[in-house]
Amino acid sequence: MGIKVGLVGLGRFGVAFADLFKSHPLVDAVAYCDMESDRVKKYAESDFLPEKFNPRDCYYSLDDICRADDIDALVIITQPWLHAPQCIQAMESGKHVYSAVPVISLPCGDEMLDWCDKIINTSLKTGMRYMLGETTYFRPQTQYCRRLAATGKFGDFVYAEGEYMHDVDSECSLREVFQRRTA
């Protein structure tokens, strides 16, 4: 028997998660949650694995999906500055949590560590599991490179370095989204 997962945040980043969790063999059902109803409607009307979705599993606020008794876990894929407080709310409502990185975006390292402590303490207090995911692994270009490497297309590696760059300004500017949503 699998679990029922609620996806919270269906914007540009959420796109990568919807199909991932709908096709996961241990996920029996998926619920959708976003403040923007057109985003929920897009996923609700998708023909991809319709047996894992029930039209009553559409939510338009974190409060509403946290009150749903039949959801085992929430996947928090909202804006980064919302992750920590939303994860805490979800665990306090009896839901396990998978959170996309980063756990929170703050300029102050001490405040960031305080939120990490709050998350750990909430998990311990509630008994709910918290998982922080490195989502770069699931990006299409990363999956493509793994497939090429598995077939030997890159040859033999002698030395490599990598760096994670999080572009917050192109296409979907996180700075603009933050200003619009916190104004």
N, C-alpha and C. Protein backbone atom coordinates (compact mmCIF):
# COMPACT_ATOMS: atom_id res chain seq x y z
N MET A 1 0.84 -1.19 0.00
CA MET A 1 0.00 0.00 0.00
C MET A 1 0.88 1.24 0.00
N GLY A 2 0.56 2.17 -0.88
CA GLY A 2 1.33 3.39 -1.00
C GLY A 2 0.76 4.52 -0.17
N ILE A 3 1.22 5.72 -0.47
CA ILE A 3 0.80 6.90 0.28
C ILE A 3 0.08 7.89 -0.63
N LYS A 4 -0.57 8.85 0.01
CA LYS A 4 -1.20 9.95 -0.71
C LYS A 4 -0.39 11.20 -0.43
N VAL A 5 0.04 11.85 -1.50
CA VAL A 5 0.91 13.01 -1.42
C VAL A 5 0.18 14.25 -1.93
N GLY A 6 0.37 15.36 -1.24
CA GLY A 6 -0.17 16.64 -1.68
C GLY A 6 0.96 17.51 -2.18
N LEU A 7 0.84 18.01 -3.41
CA LEU A 7 1.85 18.90 -3.97
C LEU A 7 1.41 20.34 -3.71
N VAL A 8 2.23 21.09 -2.99
CA VAL A 8 1.91 22.46 -2.61
C VAL A 8 2.81 23.41 -3.39
N GLY A 9 2.24 24.11 -4.36
CA GLY A 9 2.99 25.03 -5.21
C GLY A 9 3.15 24.44 -6.59
N LEU A 10 2.36 24.90 -7.53
CA LEU A 10 2.36 24.29 -8.87
C LEU A 10 2.85 25.25 -9.95
N GLY A 11 3.77 26.13 -9.58
CA GLY A 11 4.33 27.08 -10.55
C GLY A 11 5.37 26.42 -11.43
N ARG A 12 6.28 27.20 -11.95
CA ARG A 12 7.31 26.71 -12.88
C ARG A 12 8.10 25.55 -12.30
N PHE A 13 8.45 25.65 -11.04
CA PHE A 13 9.26 24.63 -10.39
C PHE A 13 8.45 23.37 -10.10
N GLY A 14 7.18 23.56 -9.79
CA GLY A 14 6.31 22.44 -9.46
C GLY A 14 6.06 21.49 -10.61
N VAL A 15 6.25 21.97 -11.82
CA VAL A 15 6.03 21.16 -13.02
C VAL A 15 6.85 19.87 -12.97
N ALA A 16 8.09 19.98 -12.52
CA ALA A 16 8.98 18.82 -12.49
C ALA A 16 8.52 17.77 -11.48
N PHE A 17 7.76 18.18 -10.48
CA PHE A 17 7.37 17.27 -9.42
C PHE A 17 6.05 16.55 -9.68
N ALA A 18 5.16 17.17 -10.39
CA ALA A 18 3.84 16.57 -10.61
C ALA A 18 3.96 15.20 -11.27
N ASP A 19 4.64 15.12 -12.39
CA ASP A 19 4.80 13.84 -13.09
C ASP A 19 5.64 12.87 -12.28
N LEU A 20 6.64 13.38 -11.57
CA LEU A 20 7.51 12.52 -10.77
C LEU A 20 6.70 11.77 -9.70
N PHE A 21 5.88 12.49 -8.95
CA PHE A 21 5.12 11.83 -7.89
C PHE A 21 3.93 11.03 -8.43
N LYS A 22 3.34 11.48 -9.53
CA LYS A 22 2.24 10.71 -10.11
C LYS A 22 2.73 9.37 -10.64
N SER A 23 3.97 9.30 -11.11
CA SER A 23 4.47 8.04 -11.67
C SER A 23 5.22 7.19 -10.65
N HIS A 24 5.39 7.68 -9.43
CA HIS A 24 6.11 6.92 -8.40
C HIS A 24 5.27 5.71 -7.98
N PRO A 25 5.85 4.51 -7.98
CA PRO A 25 5.07 3.31 -7.68
C PRO A 25 4.54 3.23 -6.24
N LEU A 26 5.12 3.97 -5.31
CA LEU A 26 4.65 3.93 -3.92
C LEU A 26 3.69 5.07 -3.58
N VAL A 27 3.36 5.88 -4.58
CA VAL A 27 2.38 6.95 -4.39
C VAL A 27 1.07 6.49 -5.02
N ASP A 28 0.06 6.28 -4.19
CA ASP A 28 -1.24 5.81 -4.68
C ASP A 28 -2.13 6.95 -5.17
N ALA A 29 -1.96 8.14 -4.59
CA ALA A 29 -2.83 9.26 -4.95
C ALA A 29 -2.08 10.57 -4.78
N VAL A 30 -2.45 11.55 -5.61
CA VAL A 30 -1.83 12.87 -5.58
C VAL A 30 -2.92 13.93 -5.47
N ALA A 31 -2.69 14.89 -4.56
CA ALA A 31 -3.57 16.05 -4.42
C ALA A 31 -2.78 17.28 -4.87
N TYR A 32 -3.50 18.29 -5.33
CA TYR A 32 -2.86 19.50 -5.84
C TYR A 32 -3.28 20.71 -5.03
N CYS A 33 -2.31 21.60 -4.77
CA CYS A 33 -2.60 22.81 -4.01
C CYS A 33 -1.81 23.98 -4.56
N ASP A 34 -2.51 25.05 -4.86
CA ASP A 34 -1.90 26.31 -5.26
C ASP A 34 -2.92 27.41 -5.04
N MET A 35 -2.44 28.60 -4.72
CA MET A 35 -3.34 29.73 -4.51
C MET A 35 -3.98 30.17 -5.82
N GLU A 36 -3.34 29.85 -6.95
CA GLU A 36 -3.86 30.24 -8.26
C GLU A 36 -4.63 29.06 -8.85
N SER A 37 -5.94 29.21 -8.95
CA SER A 37 -6.82 28.10 -9.35
C SER A 37 -6.52 27.56 -10.74
N ASP A 38 -6.02 28.40 -11.66
CA ASP A 38 -5.73 27.91 -13.00
C ASP A 38 -4.59 26.88 -13.00
N ARG A 39 -3.68 27.01 -12.06
CA ARG A 39 -2.59 26.03 -11.96
C ARG A 39 -3.14 24.69 -11.49
N VAL A 40 -4.00 24.71 -10.50
CA VAL A 40 -4.60 23.47 -9.99
C VAL A 40 -5.41 22.81 -11.11
N LYS A 41 -6.17 23.62 -11.83
CA LYS A 41 -7.01 23.11 -12.91
C LYS A 41 -6.17 22.41 -13.99
N LYS A 42 -5.02 22.98 -14.31
CA LYS A 42 -4.13 22.40 -15.33
C LYS A 42 -3.75 20.97 -14.95
N TYR A 43 -3.36 20.75 -13.71
CA TYR A 43 -2.96 19.41 -13.28
C TYR A 43 -4.17 18.50 -13.09
N ALA A 44 -5.25 19.05 -12.61
CA ALA A 44 -6.46 18.26 -12.39
C ALA A 44 -7.01 17.71 -13.71
N GLU A 45 -6.83 18.45 -14.79
CA GLU A 45 -7.36 18.03 -16.09
C GLU A 45 -6.36 17.21 -16.91
N SER A 46 -5.17 16.97 -16.38
CA SER A 46 -4.16 16.21 -17.09
C SER A 46 -4.59 14.75 -17.25
N ASP A 47 -4.28 14.16 -18.38
CA ASP A 47 -4.61 12.76 -18.65
C ASP A 47 -3.55 11.80 -18.13
N PHE A 48 -2.45 12.33 -17.61
CA PHE A 48 -1.35 11.48 -17.15
C PHE A 48 -1.72 10.80 -15.84
N LEU A 49 -1.82 9.49 -15.84
CA LEU A 49 -2.17 8.68 -14.68
C LEU A 49 -3.41 9.20 -13.94
N PRO A 50 -4.54 9.26 -14.61
CA PRO A 50 -5.75 9.80 -13.97
C PRO A 50 -6.22 8.97 -12.78
N GLU A 51 -5.82 7.70 -12.71
CA GLU A 51 -6.25 6.85 -11.60
C GLU A 51 -5.63 7.29 -10.26
N LYS A 52 -4.64 8.17 -10.30
CA LYS A 52 -4.03 8.65 -9.05
C LYS A 52 -4.59 9.99 -8.60
N PHE A 53 -5.60 10.48 -9.30
CA PHE A 53 -6.15 11.79 -8.94
C PHE A 53 -7.66 11.73 -8.86
N ASN A 54 -8.19 12.33 -7.81
CA ASN A 54 -9.63 12.47 -7.62
C ASN A 54 -9.95 13.96 -7.63
N PRO A 55 -10.93 14.41 -8.39
CA PRO A 55 -11.23 15.85 -8.47
C PRO A 55 -11.47 16.53 -7.12
N ARG A 56 -11.84 15.77 -6.09
CA ARG A 56 -12.04 16.40 -4.79
C ARG A 56 -10.71 16.76 -4.12
N ASP A 57 -9.59 16.32 -4.72
CA ASP A 57 -8.27 16.56 -4.15
C ASP A 57 -7.60 17.82 -4.72
N CYS A 58 -8.39 18.87 -4.88
CA CYS A 58 -7.89 20.17 -5.30
C CYS A 58 -8.00 21.12 -4.11
N TYR A 59 -6.91 21.79 -3.80
CA TYR A 59 -6.87 22.71 -2.66
C TYR A 59 -6.28 24.04 -3.11
N TYR A 60 -6.71 25.11 -2.44
CA TYR A 60 -6.30 26.45 -2.85
C TYR A 60 -5.60 27.23 -1.74
N SER A 61 -5.27 26.53 -0.66
CA SER A 61 -4.48 27.15 0.41
C SER A 61 -3.78 26.05 1.20
N LEU A 62 -2.68 26.42 1.81
CA LEU A 62 -1.96 25.48 2.65
C LEU A 62 -2.82 25.07 3.84
N ASP A 63 -3.58 26.00 4.38
CA ASP A 63 -4.47 25.67 5.51
C ASP A 63 -5.43 24.55 5.13
N ASP A 64 -6.03 24.65 3.94
CA ASP A 64 -7.01 23.65 3.52
C ASP A 64 -6.38 22.27 3.33
N ILE A 65 -5.24 22.21 2.67
CA ILE A 65 -4.63 20.90 2.43
C ILE A 65 -4.08 20.30 3.72
N CYS A 66 -3.68 21.15 4.66
CA CYS A 66 -3.21 20.65 5.97
C CYS A 66 -4.36 20.03 6.76
N ARG A 67 -5.58 20.49 6.53
CA ARG A 67 -6.75 19.95 7.23
C ARG A 67 -7.24 18.62 6.64
N ALA A 68 -6.79 18.26 5.46
CA ALA A 68 -7.23 17.03 4.81
C ALA A 68 -6.71 15.82 5.59
N ASP A 69 -7.62 15.01 6.08
CA ASP A 69 -7.25 13.87 6.92
C ASP A 69 -6.61 12.71 6.16
N ASP A 70 -6.86 12.62 4.86
CA ASP A 70 -6.40 11.44 4.12
C ASP A 70 -5.08 11.64 3.37
N ILE A 71 -4.40 12.76 3.60
CA ILE A 71 -3.13 13.01 2.94
C ILE A 71 -2.00 12.69 3.92
N ASP A 72 -1.07 11.84 3.49
CA ASP A 72 0.03 11.40 4.35
C ASP A 72 1.20 12.37 4.39
N ALA A 73 1.50 12.99 3.25
CA ALA A 73 2.70 13.83 3.17
C ALA A 73 2.45 14.99 2.22
N LEU A 74 3.13 16.10 2.48
CA LEU A 74 3.08 17.25 1.59
C LEU A 74 4.46 17.48 0.98
N VAL A 75 4.45 17.85 -0.29
CA VAL A 75 5.66 18.21 -1.01
C VAL A 75 5.61 19.73 -1.13
N ILE A 76 6.51 20.41 -0.46
CA ILE A 76 6.53 21.88 -0.44
C ILE A 76 7.43 22.36 -1.57
N ILE A 77 6.82 22.91 -2.62
CA ILE A 77 7.56 23.40 -3.79
C ILE A 77 7.13 24.82 -4.12
N THR A 78 6.95 25.60 -3.06
CA THR A 78 6.56 27.00 -3.17
C THR A 78 7.82 27.85 -3.27
N GLN A 79 7.69 29.14 -3.05
CA GLN A 79 8.85 30.04 -3.07
C GLN A 79 9.77 29.73 -1.88
N PRO A 80 11.09 29.82 -2.08
CA PRO A 80 12.05 29.42 -1.04
C PRO A 80 11.84 30.08 0.32
N TRP A 81 11.45 31.34 0.35
CA TRP A 81 11.30 32.02 1.63
C TRP A 81 10.09 31.52 2.42
N LEU A 82 9.25 30.71 1.80
CA LEU A 82 8.08 30.15 2.46
C LEU A 82 8.30 28.73 2.98
N HIS A 83 9.34 28.06 2.50
CA HIS A 83 9.53 26.63 2.79
C HIS A 83 9.52 26.31 4.28
N ALA A 84 10.36 26.96 5.06
CA ALA A 84 10.48 26.59 6.47
C ALA A 84 9.17 26.76 7.23
N PRO A 85 8.53 27.93 7.19
CA PRO A 85 7.27 28.05 7.94
C PRO A 85 6.18 27.11 7.42
N GLN A 86 6.14 26.86 6.12
CA GLN A 86 5.13 25.96 5.58
C GLN A 86 5.41 24.50 5.99
N CYS A 87 6.67 24.12 6.04
CA CYS A 87 7.02 22.77 6.47
C CYS A 87 6.63 22.56 7.93
N ILE A 88 6.87 23.55 8.74
CA ILE A 88 6.50 23.47 10.16
C ILE A 88 4.99 23.35 10.30
N GLN A 89 4.24 24.16 9.56
CA GLN A 89 2.78 24.08 9.61
C GLN A 89 2.30 22.70 9.18
N ALA A 90 2.90 22.16 8.12
CA ALA A 90 2.49 20.84 7.62
C ALA A 90 2.76 19.75 8.66
N MET A 91 3.94 19.78 9.28
CA MET A 91 4.25 18.75 10.28
C MET A 91 3.35 18.90 11.50
N GLU A 92 3.06 20.13 11.90
CA GLU A 92 2.17 20.34 13.04
C GLU A 92 0.74 19.87 12.74
N SER A 93 0.39 19.77 11.47
CA SER A 93 -0.94 19.28 11.10
C SER A 93 -0.95 17.76 10.89
N GLY A 94 0.18 17.12 11.16
CA GLY A 94 0.23 15.66 11.06
C GLY A 94 0.67 15.12 9.71
N LYS A 95 1.35 15.94 8.93
CA LYS A 95 1.81 15.51 7.61
C LYS A 95 3.33 15.37 7.61
N HIS A 96 3.82 14.31 6.96
CA HIS A 96 5.24 14.22 6.68
C HIS A 96 5.54 15.24 5.59
N VAL A 97 6.81 15.64 5.44
CA VAL A 97 7.15 16.72 4.51
C VAL A 97 8.38 16.39 3.68
N TYR A 98 8.26 16.65 2.39
CA TYR A 98 9.41 16.70 1.48
C TYR A 98 9.48 18.15 1.03
N SER A 99 10.62 18.78 1.23
CA SER A 99 10.78 20.18 0.85
C SER A 99 11.85 20.31 -0.21
N ALA A 100 11.53 21.06 -1.25
CA ALA A 100 12.53 21.37 -2.26
C ALA A 100 13.53 22.36 -1.66
N VAL A 101 14.73 22.32 -2.15
CA VAL A 101 15.76 23.23 -1.62
C VAL A 101 15.54 24.61 -2.19
N PRO A 102 16.00 25.65 -1.52
CA PRO A 102 16.59 25.66 -0.19
C PRO A 102 15.51 25.65 0.89
N VAL A 103 15.91 25.32 2.09
CA VAL A 103 14.95 25.27 3.19
C VAL A 103 14.39 26.66 3.45
N ILE A 104 15.19 27.67 3.26
CA ILE A 104 14.74 29.05 3.44
C ILE A 104 15.81 29.96 2.85
N SER A 105 15.42 31.12 2.39
CA SER A 105 16.37 32.07 1.81
C SER A 105 16.38 33.33 2.65
N LEU A 106 17.42 33.48 3.41
CA LEU A 106 17.57 34.66 4.26
C LEU A 106 19.02 35.14 4.17
N PRO A 107 19.21 36.45 4.22
CA PRO A 107 20.59 36.94 4.17
C PRO A 107 21.36 36.67 5.46
N CYS A 108 20.66 36.46 6.56
CA CYS A 108 21.31 36.27 7.86
C CYS A 108 21.48 34.79 8.17
N GLY A 109 22.72 34.35 8.29
CA GLY A 109 23.00 32.95 8.57
C GLY A 109 22.42 32.48 9.90
N ASP A 110 22.44 33.35 10.91
CA ASP A 110 21.90 32.97 12.22
C ASP A 110 20.40 32.71 12.14
N GLU A 111 19.69 33.56 11.42
CA GLU A 111 18.25 33.37 11.29
C GLU A 111 17.95 32.09 10.52
N MET A 112 18.75 31.80 9.51
CA MET A 112 18.57 30.58 8.73
C MET A 112 18.76 29.36 9.63
N LEU A 113 19.79 29.39 10.47
CA LEU A 113 20.04 28.28 11.39
C LEU A 113 18.92 28.15 12.42
N ASP A 114 18.34 29.28 12.84
CA ASP A 114 17.19 29.23 13.76
C ASP A 114 16.02 28.49 13.12
N TRP A 115 15.75 28.75 11.83
CA TRP A 115 14.67 28.06 11.14
C TRP A 115 14.98 26.57 11.02
N CYS A 116 16.23 26.23 10.77
CA CYS A 116 16.60 24.81 10.71
C CYS A 116 16.35 24.14 12.05
N ASP A 117 16.70 24.81 13.13
CA ASP A 117 16.41 24.27 14.48
C ASP A 117 14.91 24.09 14.68
N LYS A 118 14.12 25.07 14.24
CA LYS A 118 12.66 24.97 14.39
C LYS A 118 12.12 23.75 13.63
N ILE A 119 12.64 23.52 12.44
CA ILE A 119 12.19 22.37 11.65
C ILE A 119 12.54 21.06 12.35
N ILE A 120 13.78 20.95 12.81
CA ILE A 120 14.21 19.72 13.51
C ILE A 120 13.37 19.51 14.76
N ASN A 121 13.19 20.56 15.55
CA ASN A 121 12.40 20.44 16.78
C ASN A 121 10.95 20.09 16.49
N THR A 122 10.38 20.64 15.43
CA THR A 122 9.00 20.31 15.06
C THR A 122 8.90 18.84 14.66
N SER A 123 9.88 18.36 13.91
CA SER A 123 9.88 16.96 13.51
C SER A 123 9.96 16.05 14.74
N LEU A 124 10.83 16.39 15.67
CA LEU A 124 10.97 15.59 16.89
C LEU A 124 9.71 15.64 17.74
N LYS A 125 9.12 16.83 17.85
CA LYS A 125 7.92 17.02 18.68
C LYS A 125 6.71 16.30 18.09
N THR A 126 6.55 16.36 16.79
CA THR A 126 5.36 15.80 16.14
C THR A 126 5.53 14.35 15.71
N GLY A 127 6.77 13.90 15.58
CA GLY A 127 7.01 12.55 15.07
C GLY A 127 6.89 12.47 13.55
N MET A 128 6.70 13.60 12.90
CA MET A 128 6.59 13.62 11.44
C MET A 128 7.99 13.68 10.83
N ARG A 129 8.15 13.05 9.69
CA ARG A 129 9.44 13.06 9.00
C ARG A 129 9.56 14.29 8.12
N TYR A 130 10.77 14.82 8.07
CA TYR A 130 11.09 15.97 7.21
C TYR A 130 12.23 15.55 6.30
N MET A 131 12.07 15.80 5.01
CA MET A 131 13.13 15.47 4.05
C MET A 131 13.40 16.68 3.19
N LEU A 132 14.67 17.05 3.11
CA LEU A 132 15.10 18.15 2.25
C LEU A 132 15.69 17.54 1.00
N GLY A 133 15.16 17.89 -0.15
CA GLY A 133 15.59 17.26 -1.39
C GLY A 133 16.48 18.14 -2.24
N GLU A 134 17.48 17.53 -2.84
CA GLU A 134 18.31 18.22 -3.82
C GLU A 134 17.69 17.97 -5.18
N THR A 135 17.02 18.95 -5.70
CA THR A 135 16.19 18.76 -6.88
C THR A 135 16.96 18.81 -8.20
N THR A 136 18.21 19.24 -8.18
CA THR A 136 18.98 19.28 -9.42
C THR A 136 19.08 17.89 -10.05
N TYR A 137 19.06 16.87 -9.23
CA TYR A 137 19.13 15.48 -9.69
C TYR A 137 18.01 15.17 -10.69
N PHE A 138 16.85 15.83 -10.53
CA PHE A 138 15.69 15.52 -11.36
C PHE A 138 15.52 16.45 -12.56
N ARG A 139 16.39 17.41 -12.72
CA ARG A 139 16.27 18.30 -13.88
C ARG A 139 16.48 17.51 -15.16
N PRO A 140 15.74 17.83 -16.21
CA PRO A 140 15.87 17.07 -17.47
C PRO A 140 17.30 17.03 -18.00
N GLN A 141 18.02 18.14 -17.95
CA GLN A 141 19.38 18.17 -18.48
C GLN A 141 20.32 17.28 -17.64
N THR A 142 20.06 17.19 -16.34
CA THR A 142 20.86 16.32 -15.48
C THR A 142 20.56 14.85 -15.79
N GLN A 143 19.29 14.53 -15.96
CA GLN A 143 18.92 13.16 -16.31
C GLN A 143 19.54 12.76 -17.66
N TYR A 144 19.52 13.68 -18.61
CA TYR A 144 20.10 13.43 -19.93
C TYR A 144 21.60 13.12 -19.81
N CYS A 145 22.31 13.90 -19.03
CA CYS A 145 23.75 13.67 -18.87
C CYS A 145 24.03 12.34 -18.17
N ARG A 146 23.20 11.97 -17.21
CA ARG A 146 23.38 10.67 -16.56
C ARG A 146 23.20 9.53 -17.57
N ARG A 147 22.19 9.67 -18.44
CA ARG A 147 21.98 8.63 -19.46
C ARG A 147 23.18 8.54 -20.41
N LEU A 148 23.71 9.70 -20.82
CA LEU A 148 24.89 9.68 -21.70
C LEU A 148 26.09 9.06 -21.00
N ALA A 149 26.30 9.42 -19.75
CA ALA A 149 27.43 8.87 -19.00
C ALA A 149 27.31 7.36 -18.86
N ALA A 150 26.10 6.86 -18.64
CA ALA A 150 25.89 5.42 -18.48
C ALA A 150 26.25 4.64 -19.75
N THR A 151 26.14 5.29 -20.90
CA THR A 151 26.48 4.62 -22.16
C THR A 151 27.93 4.87 -22.57
N GLY A 152 28.69 5.60 -21.74
CA GLY A 152 30.10 5.84 -22.03
C GLY A 152 30.36 6.99 -22.98
N LYS A 153 29.37 7.81 -23.29
CA LYS A 153 29.51 8.89 -24.27
C LYS A 153 30.51 9.97 -23.83
N PHE A 154 30.77 10.08 -22.52
CA PHE A 154 31.71 11.11 -22.05
C PHE A 154 33.14 10.60 -21.96
N GLY A 155 33.35 9.34 -22.19
CA GLY A 155 34.69 8.77 -22.06
C GLY A 155 35.04 8.56 -20.60
N ASP A 156 36.32 8.52 -20.31
CA ASP A 156 36.79 8.31 -18.94
C ASP A 156 37.07 9.65 -18.27
N PHE A 157 36.48 9.84 -17.09
CA PHE A 157 36.74 11.06 -16.34
C PHE A 157 38.05 10.92 -15.58
N VAL A 158 38.88 11.94 -15.66
CA VAL A 158 40.11 11.98 -14.90
C VAL A 158 39.94 12.97 -13.75
N TYR A 159 39.30 14.09 -14.04
CA TYR A 159 39.11 15.12 -13.03
C TYR A 159 37.89 15.95 -13.43
N ALA A 160 37.11 16.34 -12.46
CA ALA A 160 35.96 17.20 -12.75
C ALA A 160 35.66 18.07 -11.54
N GLU A 161 35.09 19.23 -11.80
CA GLU A 161 34.62 20.12 -10.75
C GLU A 161 33.23 20.58 -11.15
N GLY A 162 32.43 20.93 -10.15
CA GLY A 162 31.09 21.43 -10.43
C GLY A 162 30.73 22.55 -9.49
N GLU A 163 29.80 23.34 -9.91
CA GLU A 163 29.33 24.45 -9.07
C GLU A 163 27.84 24.60 -9.28
N TYR A 164 27.14 24.84 -8.21
CA TYR A 164 25.69 25.03 -8.30
C TYR A 164 25.41 26.51 -8.44
N MET A 165 24.76 26.85 -9.52
CA MET A 165 24.37 28.24 -9.76
C MET A 165 22.85 28.30 -9.76
N HIS A 166 22.31 29.14 -8.91
CA HIS A 166 20.85 29.28 -8.86
C HIS A 166 20.50 30.65 -9.44
N ASP A 167 20.08 30.65 -10.68
CA ASP A 167 19.74 31.89 -11.37
C ASP A 167 18.38 32.38 -10.86
N VAL A 168 18.40 33.51 -10.20
CA VAL A 168 17.14 34.05 -9.66
C VAL A 168 16.58 35.17 -10.52
N ASP A 169 17.25 35.50 -11.62
CA ASP A 169 16.83 36.65 -12.42
C ASP A 169 16.27 36.33 -13.79
N SER A 170 16.59 35.18 -14.39
CA SER A 170 16.12 34.93 -15.74
C SER A 170 14.75 34.27 -15.76
N GLU A 171 14.06 34.40 -16.86
CA GLU A 171 12.72 33.85 -17.09
C GLU A 171 11.76 34.16 -15.95
N CYS A 172 11.79 33.38 -14.89
CA CYS A 172 10.91 33.60 -13.74
C CYS A 172 11.75 34.22 -12.63
N SER A 173 11.80 35.53 -12.57
CA SER A 173 12.66 36.22 -11.62
C SER A 173 12.15 36.05 -10.20
N LEU A 174 12.92 35.33 -9.39
CA LEU A 174 12.54 35.14 -7.99
C LEU A 174 12.54 36.45 -7.23
N ARG A 175 13.40 37.40 -7.64
CA ARG A 175 13.39 38.71 -6.98
C ARG A 175 12.05 39.42 -7.22
N GLU A 176 11.57 39.38 -8.45
CA GLU A 176 10.29 40.02 -8.77
C GLU A 176 9.13 39.31 -8.07
N VAL A 177 9.16 38.00 -8.06
CA VAL A 177 8.10 37.24 -7.38
C VAL A 177 8.08 37.59 -5.90
N PHE A 178 9.26 37.64 -5.29
CA PHE A 178 9.34 37.97 -3.85
C PHE A 178 8.79 39.36 -3.59
N GLN A 179 9.16 40.34 -4.41
CA GLN A 179 8.67 41.71 -4.22
C GLN A 179 7.16 41.79 -4.40
N ARG A 180 6.63 41.10 -5.39
CA ARG A 180 5.19 41.12 -5.67
C ARG A 180 4.39 40.45 -4.55
N ARG A 181 4.91 39.36 -4.03
CA ARG A 181 4.15 38.60 -3.03
C ARG A 181 4.33 39.09 -1.61
N THR A 182 5.34 39.92 -1.37
CA THR A 182 5.56 40.42 0.00
C THR A 182 5.26 41.91 0.13
N ALA A 183 4.80 42.50 -0.96
CA ALA A 183 4.50 43.95 -0.93
C ALA A 183 3.21 44.23 -0.17
